[in-house]
């Protein structure tokens, strides 16, 4: 999928020790909720909304998992910057 100003995809590796458990999922939901764009997080063809804590807890985001984040909408670029920051800072856990 090709990036455009309104549609961006990036792959991230989960690097924090316990993966996407309740606390990182809550951080993702809080961050995603600030934006009007649609944000999906997927793994192996299964996608969930980054605005759904229950969805995120089903994604099997263990340490080392590769997750694809796709943001679509007018503020997709801003959303991706903030979500990338969470992954890069290991959800402030390590």
N, C-alpha and C. Protein backbone atom coordinates (compact mmCIF):
# COMPACT_ATOMS: atom_id res chain seq x y z
N UNK A 1 0.84 -1.17 0.00
CA UNK A 1 0.00 0.00 0.00
C UNK A 1 0.89 1.24 0.00
N UNK A 2 0.58 2.19 -0.85
CA UNK A 2 1.41 3.37 -0.99
C UNK A 2 0.94 4.48 -0.04
N UNK A 3 1.90 5.14 0.60
CA UNK A 3 1.56 6.24 1.49
C UNK A 3 1.15 7.47 0.68
N UNK A 4 0.14 8.17 1.18
CA UNK A 4 -0.27 9.47 0.68
C UNK A 4 -0.38 10.37 1.91
N UNK A 5 -0.58 11.67 1.73
CA UNK A 5 -0.72 12.52 2.93
C UNK A 5 -1.85 12.08 3.86
N UNK A 6 -2.88 11.44 3.32
CA UNK A 6 -4.02 11.02 4.14
C UNK A 6 -4.04 9.53 4.45
N UNK A 7 -3.03 8.79 4.03
CA UNK A 7 -3.01 7.34 4.27
C UNK A 7 -1.56 6.88 4.45
N UNK A 8 -1.25 6.44 5.66
CA UNK A 8 0.13 6.07 5.99
C UNK A 8 0.15 4.70 6.66
N UNK A 9 1.10 3.87 6.26
CA UNK A 9 1.29 2.56 6.89
C UNK A 9 2.73 2.45 7.36
N UNK A 10 2.91 1.88 8.54
CA UNK A 10 4.25 1.61 9.06
C UNK A 10 4.22 0.31 9.83
N UNK A 11 5.35 -0.37 9.83
CA UNK A 11 5.47 -1.60 10.62
C UNK A 11 6.34 -1.30 11.84
N UNK A 12 5.91 -1.80 12.99
CA UNK A 12 6.65 -1.62 14.23
C UNK A 12 6.89 -2.98 14.87
N UNK A 13 7.99 -3.09 15.58
CA UNK A 13 8.27 -4.28 16.38
C UNK A 13 8.00 -3.93 17.83
N UNK A 14 7.24 -4.78 18.50
CA UNK A 14 6.95 -4.57 19.92
C UNK A 14 8.22 -4.91 20.69
N UNK A 15 8.77 -3.95 21.40
CA UNK A 15 10.05 -4.15 22.08
C UNK A 15 9.96 -4.13 23.59
N UNK A 16 8.82 -3.68 24.15
CA UNK A 16 8.74 -3.68 25.61
C UNK A 16 8.56 -5.12 26.11
N UNK A 17 9.01 -5.38 27.32
CA UNK A 17 9.13 -6.74 27.83
C UNK A 17 7.84 -7.55 27.79
N UNK A 18 6.72 -6.96 28.17
CA UNK A 18 5.46 -7.72 28.27
C UNK A 18 4.51 -7.51 27.10
N UNK A 19 4.96 -6.81 26.07
CA UNK A 19 4.13 -6.66 24.88
C UNK A 19 2.96 -5.71 25.08
N UNK A 20 1.94 -5.88 24.23
CA UNK A 20 0.76 -5.02 24.29
C UNK A 20 -0.23 -5.61 25.28
N UNK A 21 -0.01 -5.30 26.55
CA UNK A 21 -0.95 -5.70 27.61
C UNK A 21 -1.82 -4.49 27.94
N UNK A 22 -2.52 -4.50 29.05
CA UNK A 22 -3.51 -3.46 29.35
C UNK A 22 -2.94 -2.04 29.34
N UNK A 23 -1.79 -1.81 29.95
CA UNK A 23 -1.26 -0.45 30.03
C UNK A 23 -0.86 0.10 28.66
N UNK A 24 -0.05 -0.61 27.86
CA UNK A 24 0.27 -0.09 26.53
C UNK A 24 -0.97 0.04 25.65
N UNK A 25 -1.92 -0.88 25.78
CA UNK A 25 -3.15 -0.79 24.99
C UNK A 25 -3.90 0.49 25.36
N UNK A 26 -3.96 0.81 26.64
CA UNK A 26 -4.64 2.03 27.09
C UNK A 26 -3.93 3.27 26.54
N UNK A 27 -2.59 3.24 26.50
CA UNK A 27 -1.84 4.37 25.93
C UNK A 27 -2.14 4.53 24.43
N UNK A 28 -2.22 3.41 23.72
CA UNK A 28 -2.55 3.47 22.30
C UNK A 28 -3.95 4.04 22.08
N UNK A 29 -4.91 3.57 22.87
CA UNK A 29 -6.30 4.05 22.73
C UNK A 29 -6.37 5.54 23.04
N UNK A 30 -5.70 5.98 24.10
CA UNK A 30 -5.71 7.39 24.48
C UNK A 30 -5.09 8.24 23.37
N UNK A 31 -3.98 7.78 22.82
CA UNK A 31 -3.31 8.52 21.75
C UNK A 31 -4.16 8.53 20.48
N UNK A 32 -4.65 7.38 20.07
CA UNK A 32 -5.46 7.28 18.85
C UNK A 32 -6.73 8.11 18.96
N UNK A 33 -7.30 8.17 20.16
CA UNK A 33 -8.54 8.90 20.37
C UNK A 33 -8.43 10.40 20.18
N UNK A 34 -7.22 10.92 20.17
CA UNK A 34 -7.01 12.35 19.97
C UNK A 34 -7.17 12.76 18.50
N UNK A 35 -7.24 11.78 17.61
CA UNK A 35 -7.25 12.05 16.17
C UNK A 35 -8.55 11.61 15.54
N UNK A 36 -8.94 12.30 14.47
CA UNK A 36 -10.18 11.95 13.78
C UNK A 36 -9.97 10.83 12.75
N UNK A 37 -8.72 10.59 12.35
CA UNK A 37 -8.46 9.57 11.33
C UNK A 37 -8.74 8.17 11.88
N UNK A 38 -8.93 7.24 10.95
CA UNK A 38 -9.08 5.83 11.32
C UNK A 38 -7.68 5.24 11.47
N UNK A 39 -7.46 4.52 12.57
CA UNK A 39 -6.16 3.91 12.82
C UNK A 39 -6.38 2.44 13.10
N UNK A 40 -5.80 1.60 12.25
CA UNK A 40 -5.91 0.15 12.40
C UNK A 40 -4.54 -0.42 12.72
N UNK A 41 -4.53 -1.41 13.59
CA UNK A 41 -3.30 -2.12 13.92
C UNK A 41 -3.53 -3.57 13.58
N UNK A 42 -2.61 -4.16 12.82
CA UNK A 42 -2.82 -5.51 12.34
C UNK A 42 -1.61 -6.40 12.44
N UNK A 43 -1.89 -7.68 12.37
CA UNK A 43 -0.86 -8.71 12.40
C UNK A 43 -1.38 -9.91 11.62
N UNK A 44 -0.64 -10.32 10.60
CA UNK A 44 -0.99 -11.50 9.81
C UNK A 44 -2.43 -11.47 9.30
N UNK A 45 -2.84 -10.33 8.72
CA UNK A 45 -4.16 -10.23 8.12
C UNK A 45 -5.30 -9.93 9.07
N UNK A 46 -5.04 -9.84 10.36
CA UNK A 46 -6.06 -9.54 11.36
C UNK A 46 -5.86 -8.10 11.82
N UNK A 47 -6.88 -7.26 11.67
CA UNK A 47 -6.76 -5.85 12.04
C UNK A 47 -7.80 -5.47 13.08
N UNK A 48 -7.40 -4.57 13.98
CA UNK A 48 -8.32 -4.02 14.98
C UNK A 48 -8.14 -2.51 15.01
N UNK A 49 -9.14 -1.83 15.53
CA UNK A 49 -9.06 -0.39 15.69
C UNK A 49 -8.13 -0.05 16.84
N UNK A 50 -7.26 0.93 16.63
CA UNK A 50 -6.38 1.39 17.70
C UNK A 50 -7.16 2.17 18.75
N UNK A 51 -8.44 2.39 18.50
CA UNK A 51 -9.29 3.10 19.45
C UNK A 51 -10.10 2.13 20.30
N UNK A 52 -9.84 0.83 20.18
CA UNK A 52 -10.56 -0.21 20.92
C UNK A 52 -9.60 -0.98 21.82
N UNK A 53 -9.73 -0.79 23.12
CA UNK A 53 -8.83 -1.49 24.04
C UNK A 53 -9.05 -3.00 23.95
N UNK A 54 -10.29 -3.44 23.82
CA UNK A 54 -10.55 -4.88 23.72
C UNK A 54 -9.94 -5.46 22.45
N UNK A 55 -10.05 -4.73 21.35
CA UNK A 55 -9.44 -5.18 20.11
C UNK A 55 -7.94 -5.31 20.24
N UNK A 56 -7.31 -4.30 20.84
CA UNK A 56 -5.85 -4.32 20.98
C UNK A 56 -5.37 -5.48 21.85
N UNK A 57 -6.16 -5.85 22.84
CA UNK A 57 -5.76 -6.95 23.72
C UNK A 57 -5.87 -8.30 23.03
N UNK A 58 -6.53 -8.36 21.87
CA UNK A 58 -6.66 -9.62 21.12
C UNK A 58 -5.61 -9.77 20.02
N UNK A 59 -4.75 -8.77 19.83
CA UNK A 59 -3.85 -8.74 18.67
C UNK A 59 -2.60 -9.61 18.82
N UNK A 60 -2.38 -10.20 20.00
CA UNK A 60 -1.18 -11.01 20.25
C UNK A 60 0.08 -10.20 20.00
N UNK A 61 0.15 -9.04 20.63
CA UNK A 61 1.29 -8.16 20.47
C UNK A 61 2.37 -8.44 21.50
N UNK A 62 2.89 -9.65 21.48
CA UNK A 62 3.95 -10.04 22.41
C UNK A 62 5.27 -9.38 22.01
N UNK A 63 6.24 -9.43 22.92
CA UNK A 63 7.56 -8.86 22.62
C UNK A 63 8.12 -9.53 21.37
N UNK A 64 8.58 -8.73 20.43
CA UNK A 64 9.13 -9.23 19.17
C UNK A 64 8.12 -9.30 18.05
N UNK A 65 6.83 -9.14 18.37
CA UNK A 65 5.79 -9.19 17.33
C UNK A 65 5.93 -7.98 16.40
N UNK A 66 5.67 -8.21 15.12
CA UNK A 66 5.67 -7.13 14.15
C UNK A 66 4.22 -6.75 13.87
N UNK A 67 3.90 -5.49 14.13
CA UNK A 67 2.54 -5.00 13.95
C UNK A 67 2.54 -3.91 12.89
N UNK A 68 1.54 -3.95 12.01
CA UNK A 68 1.39 -2.94 10.98
C UNK A 68 0.34 -1.93 11.46
N UNK A 69 0.70 -0.66 11.42
CA UNK A 69 -0.22 0.41 11.79
C UNK A 69 -0.58 1.16 10.51
N UNK A 70 -1.87 1.31 10.29
CA UNK A 70 -2.35 2.02 9.09
C UNK A 70 -3.30 3.12 9.54
N UNK A 71 -2.97 4.36 9.21
CA UNK A 71 -3.80 5.52 9.55
C UNK A 71 -4.33 6.15 8.28
N UNK A 72 -5.64 6.42 8.26
CA UNK A 72 -6.28 7.03 7.09
C UNK A 72 -7.15 8.20 7.54
N UNK A 73 -6.89 9.37 6.98
CA UNK A 73 -7.68 10.56 7.30
C UNK A 73 -6.79 11.78 7.30
N UNK A 74 -7.41 12.95 7.48
CA UNK A 74 -6.66 14.19 7.32
C UNK A 74 -5.55 14.38 8.34
N UNK A 75 -5.65 13.79 9.54
CA UNK A 75 -4.59 13.95 10.54
C UNK A 75 -3.77 12.66 10.72
N UNK A 76 -3.73 11.84 9.67
CA UNK A 76 -3.02 10.56 9.74
C UNK A 76 -1.53 10.73 10.03
N UNK A 77 -0.91 11.72 9.44
CA UNK A 77 0.52 11.94 9.65
C UNK A 77 0.83 12.26 11.10
N UNK A 78 0.05 13.15 11.69
CA UNK A 78 0.26 13.51 13.10
C UNK A 78 0.04 12.31 14.00
N UNK A 79 -1.00 11.54 13.71
CA UNK A 79 -1.30 10.35 14.51
C UNK A 79 -0.15 9.35 14.44
N UNK A 80 0.38 9.14 13.25
CA UNK A 80 1.46 8.17 13.09
C UNK A 80 2.71 8.59 13.86
N UNK A 81 3.00 9.88 13.89
CA UNK A 81 4.16 10.37 14.64
C UNK A 81 4.01 10.02 16.12
N UNK A 82 2.82 10.25 16.68
CA UNK A 82 2.62 9.98 18.10
C UNK A 82 2.60 8.48 18.41
N UNK A 83 2.02 7.69 17.53
CA UNK A 83 2.00 6.24 17.74
C UNK A 83 3.41 5.67 17.61
N UNK A 84 4.17 6.15 16.63
CA UNK A 84 5.56 5.71 16.47
C UNK A 84 6.36 6.01 17.73
N UNK A 85 6.10 7.16 18.33
CA UNK A 85 6.80 7.55 19.55
C UNK A 85 6.53 6.55 20.68
N UNK A 86 5.29 6.08 20.80
CA UNK A 86 4.97 5.09 21.82
C UNK A 86 5.77 3.80 21.62
N UNK A 87 5.79 3.31 20.38
CA UNK A 87 6.54 2.08 20.09
C UNK A 87 8.04 2.29 20.33
N UNK A 88 8.56 3.42 19.85
CA UNK A 88 10.01 3.67 19.98
C UNK A 88 10.43 3.84 21.43
N UNK A 89 9.56 4.35 22.27
CA UNK A 89 9.88 4.55 23.69
C UNK A 89 9.43 3.36 24.53
N UNK A 90 9.09 2.25 23.86
CA UNK A 90 8.66 1.01 24.51
C UNK A 90 7.52 1.25 25.49
N UNK A 91 6.60 2.12 25.11
CA UNK A 91 5.44 2.44 25.94
C UNK A 91 5.85 2.88 27.34
N UNK A 92 7.04 3.47 27.44
CA UNK A 92 7.57 4.02 28.69
C UNK A 92 7.72 2.96 29.78
N UNK A 93 7.98 1.72 29.37
CA UNK A 93 8.08 0.62 30.35
C UNK A 93 9.50 0.19 30.64
N UNK A 94 10.42 0.32 29.71
CA UNK A 94 11.77 -0.20 29.94
C UNK A 94 12.73 0.92 30.34
